[in-house]
């Protein structure tokens, strides 16, 4: 890559107005109107801006060698063996090395400039073995199993493309030195008429420099030392059986383990109550104590993990007597820290060390049950078929084929959020969860406002209890422990080929997608803080309409819908 325009913090600058300056102490129902009021007063909560200081370039090699063998031990047993070796040299900038940052000394190392090393190393021991076997236990029974390691081939130039000082991203907020009102609950950085401060541009000739306190390394950065590339271990065990009617059935256990998943994590974090005032922020954040840094320190490395376990079953009927059928069912569970790698952050933003494992939970795409079936069927009417037709009857009624797919899935995970005012962390506490205060009961009778999916009184914003006892804490709910509604879809089609001459034919086709127009409902609205509760009992207020008190919490107000029918005619000659 020879050129890259900054995509962090916005090269044109961003002005953010928070609800803090216009929030009354103790106010719980802050809205967009509070931020709008701050804008009218010209009280800026934060600024963000980036500049391209150096021409951004990346150069990267990926090398791999593989050898394998298939060994027929006997007529009933076959072994498959393989070994892959991969080497990923560290990316460079074409004329110099990549940058790194040591937050403990606040030093940026510019690899290759003035003879300075970036102090980053990569592994040269990326061996990936594969082994499998197939054993014919009887004439109609086969047992298969396999294991393999696959290294993450993601180009590091993607997550590491915007490093300081090639791209300089700056942020100013109430915690930044020079803020006019540094109160994190009700303060602001400056007034709008003063504008965005100038982003400082450094002298890079020495190869090392100190990172300004209001800047960061860009989206993320590696620490000096070994940069770990993640890998996935995959394994399976399958029993296969030949059945009548040209069919084969199999049942399998399939599993994967993700090791050293590459995820971004902020190191400059602190716990409950650390963000109450600017003084507690400076006293709590580890790098604020070292050298006054209140900005984040987004570290990027392979440190996370993931897990997948599944029972998979299938039935496949090969095409015979005019019919082909493929049927599959999966019962599975997927757990991870984030659904992506490379540019992904922790799932809930819980980067403070004591709560880091709260990010581990059901993946956003986890579905407990999945069932699919596909088919192709030639209707047995036409010339030479079971119901023999000829002439006009064959041209109109003969030779039709139908195919299609059907899929049914259970819902994806969600959870219930609560107010962050009960944590008040300087950084790293992420999104707070709600409290579970009762049995979780599924209602799911209707959709729309005032019609909850789960019993809303099973959950409560921790702020209600905080207003009583003043104890800072996290909500009790865990990540992704609830699942939303599932859905099913039917996609049939019918088609026929008309022969005009030996060399000219036309195919008429009608295809449909979601022919029943069945909606796939969104997950429920999950913000418990929107409910209007009685301050004494914690129940929904009864002096206002139920739907108003519920404020759409736990209701489903959106879906993806749509039915498509397509007609096609193709002429072949």
Protein backbone atom coordinates (compact mmCIF):
# COMPACT_ATOMS: atom_id res chain seq x y z
CA UNK A 1 0.00 0.00 0.00
CA UNK A 2 1.50 3.32 -1.08
CA UNK A 3 -0.89 5.88 0.33
CA UNK A 4 -3.53 6.09 3.00
CA UNK A 5 -5.75 8.94 4.11
CA UNK A 6 -6.30 9.13 7.87
CA UNK A 7 -9.52 7.49 8.95
CA UNK A 8 -9.08 7.97 12.68
CA UNK A 9 -10.45 10.94 14.60
CA UNK A 10 -11.49 12.54 11.29
CA UNK A 11 -8.95 14.71 9.38
CA UNK A 12 -11.51 17.54 9.25
CA UNK A 13 -12.04 17.42 12.99
CA UNK A 14 -14.99 16.43 15.18
CA UNK A 15 -16.68 18.61 17.78
CA UNK A 16 -18.60 16.71 20.45
CA UNK A 17 -21.20 18.16 22.78
CA UNK A 18 -21.96 15.99 25.80
CA UNK A 19 -24.97 16.13 28.10
CA UNK A 20 -22.70 16.74 31.12
CA UNK A 21 -22.71 20.57 31.26
CA UNK A 22 -26.52 20.78 31.28
CA UNK A 23 -27.26 17.79 33.52
CA UNK A 24 -28.67 18.52 36.92
CA UNK A 25 -26.79 16.57 39.64
CA UNK A 26 -28.74 13.35 40.28
CA UNK A 27 -30.63 13.58 36.98
CA UNK A 28 -31.12 10.07 35.54
CA UNK A 29 -33.01 10.62 32.30
CA UNK A 30 -30.49 12.64 30.31
CA UNK A 31 -31.43 12.88 26.64
CA UNK A 32 -30.17 14.32 23.39
CA UNK A 33 -31.77 17.58 24.42
CA UNK A 34 -29.10 17.98 27.10
CA UNK A 35 -26.36 17.73 24.46
CA UNK A 36 -28.29 20.13 22.22
CA UNK A 37 -28.50 22.62 25.08
CA UNK A 38 -24.73 22.35 25.59
CA UNK A 39 -24.26 23.12 21.88
CA UNK A 40 -26.48 26.20 22.14
CA UNK A 41 -24.35 27.39 25.05
CA UNK A 42 -21.17 26.66 23.08
CA UNK A 43 -19.79 24.31 25.77
CA UNK A 44 -17.68 21.72 23.94
CA UNK A 45 -17.36 18.34 25.64
CA UNK A 46 -14.56 17.05 23.41
CA UNK A 47 -12.65 17.55 20.18
CA UNK A 48 -11.07 14.91 17.93
CA UNK A 49 -8.80 15.55 14.96
CA UNK A 50 -6.13 13.73 12.94
CA UNK A 51 -3.46 14.93 10.51
CA UNK A 52 -1.34 12.99 8.03
CA UNK A 53 2.21 13.87 8.99
CA UNK A 54 4.11 11.28 6.92
CA UNK A 55 3.26 9.47 3.70
CA UNK A 56 1.65 6.26 4.86
CA UNK A 57 3.11 3.11 3.26
CA UNK A 58 3.16 -0.57 4.16
CA UNK A 59 5.15 -3.53 2.83
CA UNK A 60 4.40 -7.06 3.96
CA UNK A 61 5.42 -10.61 3.04
CA UNK A 62 3.60 -13.83 3.91
CA UNK A 63 5.51 -17.07 3.30
CA UNK A 64 4.35 -20.66 3.66
CA UNK A 65 5.54 -24.18 2.87
CA UNK A 66 3.47 -27.34 3.07
CA UNK A 67 4.02 -31.08 2.77
CA UNK A 68 1.53 -33.88 3.14
CA UNK A 69 0.91 -37.53 2.49
CA UNK A 70 -2.02 -39.92 2.31
CA UNK A 71 -1.21 -43.39 3.61
CA UNK A 72 -3.45 -46.35 2.89
CA UNK A 73 -2.58 -48.45 5.91
CA UNK A 74 -5.05 -51.12 4.84
CA UNK A 75 -8.09 -51.44 2.60
CA UNK A 76 -10.21 -50.13 5.50
CA UNK A 77 -7.92 -47.48 7.02
CA UNK A 78 -6.47 -44.35 5.47
CA UNK A 79 -4.31 -41.77 7.23
CA UNK A 80 -3.86 -38.19 6.04
CA UNK A 81 -0.78 -36.41 7.41
CA UNK A 82 0.46 -32.91 6.77
CA UNK A 83 2.72 -30.18 8.10
CA UNK A 84 2.60 -26.51 7.18
CA UNK A 85 5.21 -23.94 8.10
CA UNK A 86 4.41 -20.24 7.91
CA UNK A 87 6.51 -17.16 8.38
CA UNK A 88 5.19 -13.62 8.53
CA UNK A 89 8.03 -11.06 8.57
CA UNK A 90 7.11 -7.88 10.41
CA UNK A 91 5.60 -5.22 8.17
CA UNK A 92 7.63 -2.15 7.31
CA UNK A 93 7.02 1.26 5.77
CA UNK A 94 9.12 0.72 2.66
CA UNK A 95 11.91 3.08 3.70
CA UNK A 96 11.82 2.33 7.43
CA UNK A 97 10.39 -0.01 10.03
CA UNK A 98 7.05 0.01 11.76
CA UNK A 99 6.48 2.08 14.90
CA UNK A 100 6.02 0.86 18.49
CA UNK A 101 5.16 2.49 21.78
CA UNK A 102 6.31 1.77 25.31
CA UNK A 103 3.62 3.26 27.58
CA UNK A 104 5.67 2.73 30.73
CA UNK A 105 8.34 5.16 29.46
CA UNK A 106 5.98 7.09 27.12
CA UNK A 107 8.50 6.51 24.31
CA UNK A 108 7.71 6.00 20.62
CA UNK A 109 10.28 3.97 18.65
CA UNK A 110 10.50 4.71 14.92
CA UNK A 111 12.05 1.57 13.45
CA UNK A 112 14.95 2.25 11.10
CA UNK A 113 15.27 5.99 11.72
CA UNK A 114 18.66 7.02 13.09
CA UNK A 115 19.47 3.34 13.65
CA UNK A 116 16.68 2.90 16.20
CA UNK A 117 15.00 -0.51 16.54
CA UNK A 118 11.26 -0.75 17.08
CA UNK A 119 12.01 -3.61 19.48
CA UNK A 120 9.25 -5.80 18.00
CA UNK A 121 9.86 -9.43 17.11
CA UNK A 122 7.71 -12.08 15.42
CA UNK A 123 7.80 -15.84 15.77
CA UNK A 124 9.71 -18.08 13.36
CA UNK A 125 8.16 -21.25 14.82
CA UNK A 126 4.72 -21.26 13.25
CA UNK A 127 4.33 -24.97 12.56
CA UNK A 128 0.81 -26.16 11.77
CA UNK A 129 0.35 -29.95 11.81
CA UNK A 130 -2.69 -31.71 10.33
CA UNK A 131 -3.68 -35.31 10.88
CA UNK A 132 -6.80 -37.28 10.01
CA UNK A 133 -8.05 -40.77 9.43
CA UNK A 134 -10.93 -42.57 7.71
CA UNK A 135 -11.81 -46.07 8.89
CA UNK A 136 -14.37 -48.29 7.17
CA UNK A 137 -15.72 -50.12 10.21
CA UNK A 138 -18.19 -52.16 8.11
CA UNK A 139 -19.55 -52.18 4.58
CA UNK A 140 -21.93 -49.30 5.27
CA UNK A 141 -20.19 -47.60 8.22
CA UNK A 142 -17.29 -45.13 8.08
CA UNK A 143 -15.65 -43.28 10.97
CA UNK A 144 -13.62 -40.15 10.27
CA UNK A 145 -11.67 -37.78 12.49
CA UNK A 146 -9.15 -35.01 12.09
CA UNK A 147 -7.13 -32.31 13.83
CA UNK A 148 -5.34 -29.29 12.47
CA UNK A 149 -3.87 -25.90 13.32
CA UNK A 150 -4.49 -22.82 11.16
CA UNK A 151 -2.63 -19.57 11.79
CA UNK A 152 -4.45 -16.29 11.34
CA UNK A 153 -3.25 -14.98 7.95
CA UNK A 154 -4.55 -11.46 8.53
CA UNK A 155 -2.18 -8.82 7.09
CA UNK A 156 -0.86 -6.72 9.97
CA UNK A 157 -0.79 -3.72 7.65
CA UNK A 158 -4.57 -3.46 8.10
CA UNK A 159 -4.71 -2.84 11.88
CA UNK A 160 -1.31 -1.10 12.04
CA UNK A 161 -1.73 1.29 9.13
CA UNK A 162 -2.38 4.51 11.07
CA UNK A 163 0.43 4.61 13.62
CA UNK A 164 1.80 7.80 15.17
CA UNK A 165 3.59 9.86 13.87
CA UNK A 166 2.54 8.99 10.29
CA UNK A 167 -0.98 9.77 11.40
CA UNK A 168 -1.41 11.95 14.46
CA UNK A 169 -4.73 11.59 16.25
CA UNK A 170 -5.53 14.00 19.03
CA UNK A 171 -8.36 14.26 21.53
CA UNK A 172 -9.22 16.97 24.02
CA UNK A 173 -11.84 16.47 26.76
CA UNK A 174 -12.48 17.34 30.39
CA UNK A 175 -9.61 15.11 31.55
CA UNK A 176 -7.09 16.86 29.28
CA UNK A 177 -4.74 19.40 30.80
CA UNK A 178 -6.04 22.90 30.12
CA UNK A 179 -9.73 22.01 30.23
CA UNK A 180 -11.80 25.00 31.38
CA UNK A 181 -14.02 22.82 33.58
CA UNK A 182 -12.47 19.44 34.41
CA UNK A 183 -15.43 18.05 36.35
CA UNK A 184 -16.12 14.70 34.58
CA UNK A 185 -19.78 14.77 35.61
CA UNK A 186 -20.70 18.34 34.60
CA UNK A 187 -17.64 19.85 32.90
CA UNK A 188 -16.50 20.84 29.40
CA UNK A 189 -13.20 21.35 27.62
CA UNK A 190 -13.63 24.87 26.23
CA UNK A 191 -16.09 27.12 24.47
CA UNK A 192 -16.92 26.80 20.79
CA UNK A 193 -15.51 30.18 19.79
CA UNK A 194 -11.99 29.00 20.76
CA UNK A 195 -12.10 26.14 18.22
CA UNK A 196 -10.08 22.96 17.89
CA UNK A 197 -6.54 23.27 19.30
CA UNK A 198 -3.64 22.80 16.92
CA UNK A 199 -2.33 19.24 16.61
CA UNK A 200 1.41 19.26 17.44
CA UNK A 201 3.76 17.76 14.81
CA UNK A 202 6.96 16.15 16.19
CA UNK A 203 10.61 16.07 15.14
CA UNK A 204 11.34 12.43 14.13
CA UNK A 205 15.02 12.76 13.22
CA UNK A 206 16.28 11.08 16.42
CA UNK A 207 14.17 7.93 15.91
CA UNK A 208 12.61 8.18 19.36
CA UNK A 209 10.26 10.73 20.84
CA UNK A 210 7.90 11.28 23.73
CA UNK A 211 4.22 10.87 22.91
CA UNK A 212 2.28 14.07 23.76
CA UNK A 213 -0.24 13.44 26.53
CA UNK A 214 -3.28 14.44 24.45
CA UNK A 215 -2.30 12.13 21.54
CA UNK A 216 -2.32 8.39 21.10
CA UNK A 217 -0.62 5.93 18.77
CA UNK A 218 -3.61 5.90 16.43
CA UNK A 219 -6.29 3.24 16.36
CA UNK A 220 -4.01 0.76 18.16
CA UNK A 221 -0.36 -0.19 18.48
CA UNK A 222 1.93 -3.09 19.36
CA UNK A 223 4.05 -3.01 22.47
CA UNK A 224 7.81 -3.62 22.24
CA UNK A 225 8.56 -7.33 22.41
CA UNK A 226 7.02 -10.41 20.78
CA UNK A 227 3.96 -9.68 18.62
CA UNK A 228 1.90 -12.87 18.81
CA UNK A 229 -0.05 -14.16 15.81
CA UNK A 230 -3.14 -16.12 16.73
CA UNK A 231 -4.20 -19.55 15.53
CA UNK A 232 -7.19 -21.89 15.57
CA UNK A 233 -7.17 -25.55 16.55
CA UNK A 234 -9.86 -27.48 14.65
CA UNK A 235 -10.97 -31.04 15.41
CA UNK A 236 -13.86 -33.31 14.55
CA UNK A 237 -15.18 -36.85 14.91
CA UNK A 238 -17.73 -38.14 12.39
CA UNK A 239 -19.75 -41.31 12.04
CA UNK A 240 -21.17 -41.89 8.58
CA UNK A 241 -23.76 -44.45 7.49
CA UNK A 242 -24.96 -45.41 4.02
CA UNK A 243 -28.77 -45.66 3.85
CA UNK A 244 -31.29 -46.90 1.31
CA UNK A 245 -32.58 -44.63 -1.47
CA UNK A 246 -29.07 -43.48 -2.43
CA UNK A 247 -28.71 -41.61 0.86
CA UNK A 248 -25.89 -41.04 3.33
CA UNK A 249 -26.31 -39.82 6.92
CA UNK A 250 -23.64 -38.60 9.28
CA UNK A 251 -23.39 -37.32 12.82
CA UNK A 252 -20.34 -35.37 13.94
CA UNK A 253 -18.80 -33.53 16.83
CA UNK A 254 -17.01 -30.42 15.55
CA UNK A 255 -14.94 -28.12 17.71
CA UNK A 256 -12.48 -25.25 17.45
CA UNK A 257 -10.30 -23.42 19.94
CA UNK A 258 -9.08 -19.93 19.12
CA UNK A 259 -5.72 -19.20 20.75
CA UNK A 260 -4.12 -15.75 20.95
CA UNK A 261 -6.93 -13.98 19.10
CA UNK A 262 -5.69 -10.56 17.99
CA UNK A 263 -7.79 -7.96 19.79
CA UNK A 264 -7.30 -4.37 20.85
CA UNK A 265 -7.33 -3.57 24.57
CA UNK A 266 -6.88 -0.30 26.47
CA UNK A 267 -4.17 -0.56 29.16
CA UNK A 268 -4.84 2.82 30.76
CA UNK A 269 -7.83 1.82 32.86
CA UNK A 270 -9.07 2.09 36.42
CA UNK A 271 -11.99 0.79 38.41
CA UNK A 272 -15.11 1.89 40.24
CA UNK A 273 -15.21 5.53 41.26
CA UNK A 274 -11.95 6.43 39.51
CA UNK A 275 -13.73 8.94 37.27
CA UNK A 276 -15.58 10.90 39.96
CA UNK A 277 -13.29 13.93 39.62
CA UNK A 278 -10.22 14.93 37.66
CA UNK A 279 -8.19 14.33 40.82
CA UNK A 280 -9.42 10.73 41.15
CA UNK A 281 -8.79 10.19 37.44
CA UNK A 282 -5.18 11.35 37.70
CA UNK A 283 -4.69 9.31 40.87
CA UNK A 284 -6.21 6.11 39.46
CA UNK A 285 -5.17 5.66 35.83
CA UNK A 286 -1.82 3.85 35.82
CA UNK A 287 -0.23 5.99 33.12
CA UNK A 288 -1.67 9.16 34.58
CA UNK A 289 0.25 8.32 37.75
CA UNK A 290 3.40 7.64 35.73
CA UNK A 291 3.43 10.70 33.48
CA UNK A 292 0.01 12.38 33.46
CA UNK A 293 -1.56 10.42 30.54
CA UNK A 294 -5.37 10.28 30.73
CA UNK A 295 -5.82 9.24 27.09
CA UNK A 296 -6.27 5.61 26.28
CA UNK A 297 -3.36 3.26 25.60
CA UNK A 298 -4.84 0.91 22.97
CA UNK A 299 -2.57 -2.14 22.95
CA UNK A 300 -2.92 -4.67 20.11
CA UNK A 301 -1.69 -8.22 20.44
CA UNK A 302 -2.79 -11.85 20.42
CA UNK A 303 -4.11 -12.34 23.94
CA UNK A 304 -7.77 -13.42 23.68
CA UNK A 305 -9.43 -16.80 23.17
CA UNK A 306 -12.55 -18.38 21.68
CA UNK A 307 -14.34 -21.69 21.65
CA UNK A 308 -16.83 -23.51 19.40
CA UNK A 309 -18.53 -26.84 20.12
CA UNK A 310 -21.19 -28.37 17.91
CA UNK A 311 -23.21 -31.46 17.18
CA UNK A 312 -23.70 -31.53 13.42
CA UNK A 313 -25.95 -33.97 11.58
CA UNK A 314 -26.76 -34.24 7.90
CA UNK A 315 -28.69 -36.38 5.46
CA UNK A 316 -27.75 -36.27 1.78
CA UNK A 317 -29.69 -38.02 -0.95
CA UNK A 318 -27.80 -37.95 -4.21
CA UNK A 319 -29.71 -37.19 -7.38
CA UNK A 320 -31.66 -40.27 -8.46
CA UNK A 321 -35.19 -40.93 -9.70
CA UNK A 322 -35.55 -37.20 -10.22
CA UNK A 323 -34.90 -36.16 -6.60
CA UNK A 324 -31.97 -34.61 -4.71
CA UNK A 325 -32.22 -33.64 -1.03
CA UNK A 326 -29.68 -32.16 1.37
CA UNK A 327 -30.65 -31.73 5.02
CA UNK A 328 -28.48 -30.38 7.87
CA UNK A 329 -28.94 -29.64 11.56
CA UNK A 330 -26.50 -28.00 13.98
CA UNK A 331 -26.68 -27.70 17.76
CA UNK A 332 -23.83 -25.42 18.81
CA UNK A 333 -22.30 -22.92 21.20
CA UNK A 334 -19.75 -20.23 20.34
CA UNK A 335 -17.88 -18.21 22.97
CA UNK A 336 -15.35 -15.42 22.41
CA UNK A 337 -14.00 -12.05 23.55
CA UNK A 338 -14.95 -10.35 20.26
CA UNK A 339 -16.57 -11.39 16.99
CA UNK A 340 -13.68 -10.19 14.81
CA UNK A 341 -9.94 -9.81 15.03
CA UNK A 342 -7.48 -7.22 13.88
CA UNK A 343 -9.38 -3.99 14.41
CA UNK A 344 -11.82 -5.42 16.97
CA UNK A 345 -11.99 -4.21 20.56
CA UNK A 346 -13.18 -6.18 23.55
CA UNK A 347 -16.89 -7.01 23.32
CA UNK A 348 -18.16 -4.80 26.13
CA UNK A 349 -15.22 -2.41 26.44
CA UNK A 350 -14.38 -3.98 29.82
CA UNK A 351 -10.63 -3.45 29.64
CA UNK A 352 -9.95 -2.92 33.34
CA UNK A 353 -7.97 -6.00 34.40
CA UNK A 354 -10.31 -7.30 37.18
CA UNK A 355 -13.30 -7.34 34.79
CA UNK A 356 -11.51 -8.32 31.58
CA UNK A 357 -13.08 -11.79 31.57
CA UNK A 358 -16.57 -10.24 31.52
CA UNK A 359 -15.98 -9.82 27.78
CA UNK A 360 -15.95 -13.60 27.33
CA UNK A 361 -19.37 -14.90 26.43
CA UNK A 362 -21.65 -16.03 23.60
CA UNK A 363 -20.57 -14.70 20.23
CA UNK A 364 -22.84 -12.16 18.58
CA UNK A 365 -23.57 -14.68 15.81
CA UNK A 366 -24.16 -17.64 18.15
CA UNK A 367 -27.34 -19.58 17.33
CA UNK A 368 -28.17 -22.65 19.39
CA UNK A 369 -30.18 -24.47 16.72
CA UNK A 370 -29.86 -24.26 12.93
CA UNK A 371 -31.79 -26.37 10.46
CA UNK A 372 -31.58 -26.17 6.67
CA UNK A 373 -32.88 -28.30 3.82
CA UNK A 374 -32.47 -27.97 0.08
CA UNK A 375 -34.03 -29.96 -2.74
CA UNK A 376 -34.30 -30.44 -6.49
CA UNK A 377 -37.20 -32.46 -7.89
CA UNK A 378 -38.05 -33.27 -11.49
CA UNK A 379 -41.82 -33.66 -11.76
CA UNK A 380 -42.52 -37.13 -13.24
CA UNK A 381 -44.62 -35.83 -16.11
CA UNK A 382 -43.27 -35.47 -19.62
CA UNK A 383 -41.88 -37.36 -22.53
CA UNK A 384 -40.32 -40.66 -21.41
CA UNK A 385 -41.22 -40.11 -17.74
CA UNK A 386 -43.62 -41.94 -15.42
CA UNK A 387 -46.57 -39.93 -16.72
CA UNK A 388 -45.67 -39.93 -20.39
CA UNK A 389 -46.82 -36.89 -22.36
CA UNK A 390 -46.42 -35.91 -25.95
CA UNK A 391 -47.19 -33.09 -28.31
CA UNK A 392 -48.71 -29.90 -26.91
CA UNK A 393 -49.33 -31.53 -23.51
CA UNK A 394 -45.63 -32.25 -23.14
CA UNK A 395 -44.68 -28.74 -24.24
CA UNK A 396 -46.99 -27.17 -21.62
CA UNK A 397 -47.06 -29.64 -18.75
CA UNK A 398 -43.98 -31.80 -19.12
CA UNK A 399 -40.42 -31.33 -17.95
CA UNK A 400 -41.06 -28.98 -15.02
CA UNK A 401 -38.56 -28.95 -12.15
CA UNK A 402 -38.88 -27.49 -8.66
CA UNK A 403 -36.13 -26.65 -6.23
CA UNK A 404 -35.70 -24.56 -3.14
CA UNK A 405 -34.32 -24.15 0.33
CA UNK A 406 -35.82 -23.88 3.79
CA UNK A 407 -33.97 -22.56 6.85
CA UNK A 408 -34.93 -22.17 10.50
CA UNK A 409 -32.68 -20.58 13.12
CA UNK A 410 -32.97 -19.73 16.78
CA UNK A 411 -32.17 -16.18 17.86
CA UNK A 412 -28.88 -14.41 18.54
CA UNK A 413 -27.63 -13.36 21.99
CA UNK A 414 -28.37 -10.07 23.69
CA UNK A 415 -28.24 -8.68 27.19
CA UNK A 416 -29.69 -5.77 29.16
CA UNK A 417 -27.74 -2.57 29.77
CA UNK A 418 -27.83 -0.15 32.69
CA UNK A 419 -26.50 3.25 33.68
CA UNK A 420 -22.75 3.90 33.85
CA UNK A 421 -23.39 6.36 36.68
CA UNK A 422 -23.12 3.42 39.08
CA UNK A 423 -19.53 2.68 37.99
CA UNK A 424 -18.03 6.10 37.21
CA UNK A 425 -14.75 4.66 36.00
CA UNK A 426 -12.13 6.89 34.48
CA UNK A 427 -11.58 4.38 31.67
CA UNK A 428 -12.07 0.70 30.95
CA UNK A 429 -15.39 -0.19 32.58
CA UNK A 430 -17.29 -0.25 29.30
CA UNK A 431 -21.04 -0.58 29.11
CA UNK A 432 -22.69 -1.35 32.42
CA UNK A 433 -25.23 -4.14 32.67
CA UNK A 434 -28.58 -4.21 34.43
CA UNK A 435 -29.45 -6.10 37.61
CA UNK A 436 -31.41 -9.33 37.43
CA UNK A 437 -34.05 -8.93 40.14
CA UNK A 438 -36.58 -11.64 39.26
CA UNK A 439 -37.20 -14.78 37.20
CA UNK A 440 -36.64 -14.30 33.48
CA UNK A 441 -39.96 -15.22 31.88
CA UNK A 442 -40.74 -15.19 28.19
CA UNK A 443 -43.95 -13.34 27.31
CA UNK A 444 -43.58 -12.81 23.54
CA UNK A 445 -47.25 -12.54 22.66
CA UNK A 446 -47.19 -9.55 20.32
CA UNK A 447 -44.80 -7.04 18.80
CA UNK A 448 -44.70 -3.29 19.21
CA UNK A 449 -44.71 -0.62 21.91
CA UNK A 450 -45.92 -1.78 25.31
CA UNK A 451 -45.63 -5.48 24.35
CA UNK A 452 -42.46 -6.91 25.91
CA UNK A 453 -40.62 -10.01 24.73
CA UNK A 454 -39.43 -10.96 28.24
CA UNK A 455 -40.86 -9.89 31.58
CA UNK A 456 -39.35 -6.41 31.98
CA UNK A 457 -39.58 -6.53 35.78
CA UNK A 458 -36.93 -9.26 35.82
CA UNK A 459 -34.42 -6.47 35.18
CA UNK A 460 -33.63 -3.14 36.79
CA UNK A 461 -31.16 -0.35 36.15
CA UNK A 462 -28.52 -0.42 38.97
CA UNK A 463 -29.01 3.34 39.22
CA UNK A 464 -32.26 2.76 41.14
CA UNK A 465 -30.40 1.00 43.96
CA UNK A 466 -27.49 3.45 43.73
CA UNK A 467 -29.85 6.35 44.41
CA UNK A 468 -30.74 4.58 47.66
CA UNK A 469 -27.39 3.42 49.01
CA UNK A 470 -24.77 5.27 46.90
CA UNK A 471 -22.71 2.10 46.39
CA UNK A 472 -20.74 2.02 43.15
CA UNK A 473 -20.93 -1.37 41.43
CA UNK A 474 -21.56 -3.25 38.19
CA UNK A 475 -24.89 -4.73 37.18
CA UNK A 476 -25.34 -8.43 37.86
CA UNK A 477 -26.28 -9.59 34.36
CA UNK A 478 -23.67 -11.28 32.17
CA UNK A 479 -22.85 -10.76 28.53
CA UNK A 480 -25.18 -12.36 26.00
CA UNK A 481 -27.07 -14.62 28.42
CA UNK A 482 -30.40 -13.95 26.65
CA UNK A 483 -31.44 -14.91 23.13
CA UNK A 484 -33.79 -13.02 20.86
CA UNK A 485 -36.44 -14.45 18.55
CA UNK A 486 -35.49 -16.86 15.80
CA UNK A 487 -36.87 -16.94 12.28
CA UNK A 488 -37.51 -19.21 9.31
CA UNK A 489 -37.47 -18.61 5.56
CA UNK A 490 -38.71 -20.55 2.53
CA UNK A 491 -37.23 -19.95 -0.94
CA UNK A 492 -38.89 -22.13 -3.62
CA UNK A 493 -38.42 -22.01 -7.39
CA UNK A 494 -39.85 -23.68 -10.48
CA UNK A 495 -38.41 -23.87 -13.98
CA UNK A 496 -38.74 -25.60 -17.34
CA UNK A 497 -36.71 -25.87 -20.52
CA UNK A 498 -38.52 -25.56 -23.86
CA UNK A 499 -36.84 -27.09 -26.90
CA UNK A 500 -37.45 -25.20 -30.13
CA UNK A 501 -34.94 -27.12 -32.27
CA UNK A 502 -32.02 -29.41 -31.62
CA UNK A 503 -29.76 -26.40 -31.05
CA UNK A 504 -32.15 -23.75 -29.76
CA UNK A 505 -33.85 -23.87 -26.35
CA UNK A 506 -35.32 -21.50 -23.81
CA UNK A 507 -35.48 -21.83 -20.02
CA UNK A 508 -38.32 -20.21 -18.11
CA UNK A 509 -37.73 -19.75 -14.38
CA UNK A 510 -39.69 -18.36 -11.42
CA UNK A 511 -37.68 -17.85 -8.21
CA UNK A 512 -38.87 -16.55 -4.87
CA UNK A 513 -37.09 -15.41 -1.75
CA UNK A 514 -39.01 -15.49 1.52
CA UNK A 515 -42.15 -16.47 -0.37
CA UNK A 516 -44.23 -16.37 2.85
CA UNK A 517 -43.04 -12.82 3.64
CA UNK A 518 -42.08 -14.01 7.13
CA UNK A 519 -40.33 -11.28 9.18
CA UNK A 520 -37.01 -11.82 10.94
CA UNK A 521 -37.56 -9.83 14.11
CA UNK A 522 -34.83 -7.75 15.71
CA UNK A 523 -33.70 -8.39 19.24
CA UNK A 524 -35.64 -6.48 21.94
CA UNK A 525 -34.68 -2.95 22.98
CA UNK A 526 -32.31 -3.67 25.84
CA UNK A 527 -31.81 -0.42 27.79
CA UNK A 528 -33.24 -0.91 31.28
CA UNK A 529 -32.48 2.71 32.09
CA UNK A 530 -35.34 3.85 29.87
CA UNK A 531 -37.98 2.40 32.22
CA UNK A 532 -39.72 4.85 34.54
CA UNK A 533 -39.68 3.26 37.97
CA UNK A 534 -41.27 4.10 41.27
CA UNK A 535 -38.39 5.51 43.38
CA UNK A 536 -39.64 3.65 46.44
CA UNK A 537 -40.60 0.20 45.16
CA UNK A 538 -38.62 -0.15 41.94
CA UNK A 539 -41.77 -1.23 40.08
CA UNK A 540 -43.06 0.46 36.95
CA UNK A 541 -44.90 3.66 37.69
CA UNK A 542 -48.68 3.23 37.64
CA UNK A 543 -49.59 6.93 37.44
CA UNK A 544 -48.74 6.98 33.72
CA UNK A 545 -49.73 4.62 30.87
CA UNK A 546 -47.97 1.25 30.88
CA UNK A 547 -46.35 1.79 27.48
CA UNK A 548 -45.04 5.17 28.61
CA UNK A 549 -43.57 3.71 31.79
CA UNK A 550 -42.02 0.87 29.82
CA UNK A 551 -40.49 3.31 27.29
CA UNK A 552 -40.06 0.50 24.74
CA UNK A 553 -37.75 -1.49 27.04
CA UNK A 554 -37.77 -5.20 26.12
CA UNK A 555 -40.12 -4.55 23.20
CA UNK A 556 -39.37 -5.49 19.59
CA UNK A 557 -39.96 -2.59 17.26
CA UNK A 558 -38.07 -3.60 14.13
CA UNK A 559 -37.62 -6.45 11.68
CA UNK A 560 -36.16 -7.29 8.31
CA UNK A 561 -38.89 -8.28 5.90
CA UNK A 562 -39.55 -8.46 2.20
CA UNK A 563 -40.66 -10.98 -0.36
CA UNK A 564 -39.07 -11.15 -3.78
CA UNK A 565 -40.35 -13.02 -6.82
CA UNK A 566 -38.22 -13.04 -9.95
CA UNK A 567 -39.16 -14.19 -13.43
CA UNK A 568 -36.45 -15.17 -15.88
CA UNK A 569 -36.18 -16.31 -19.48
CA UNK A 570 -32.90 -17.52 -20.96
CA UNK A 571 -32.40 -18.32 -24.62
CA UNK A 572 -29.65 -20.80 -25.54
CA UNK A 573 -28.46 -21.47 -29.08
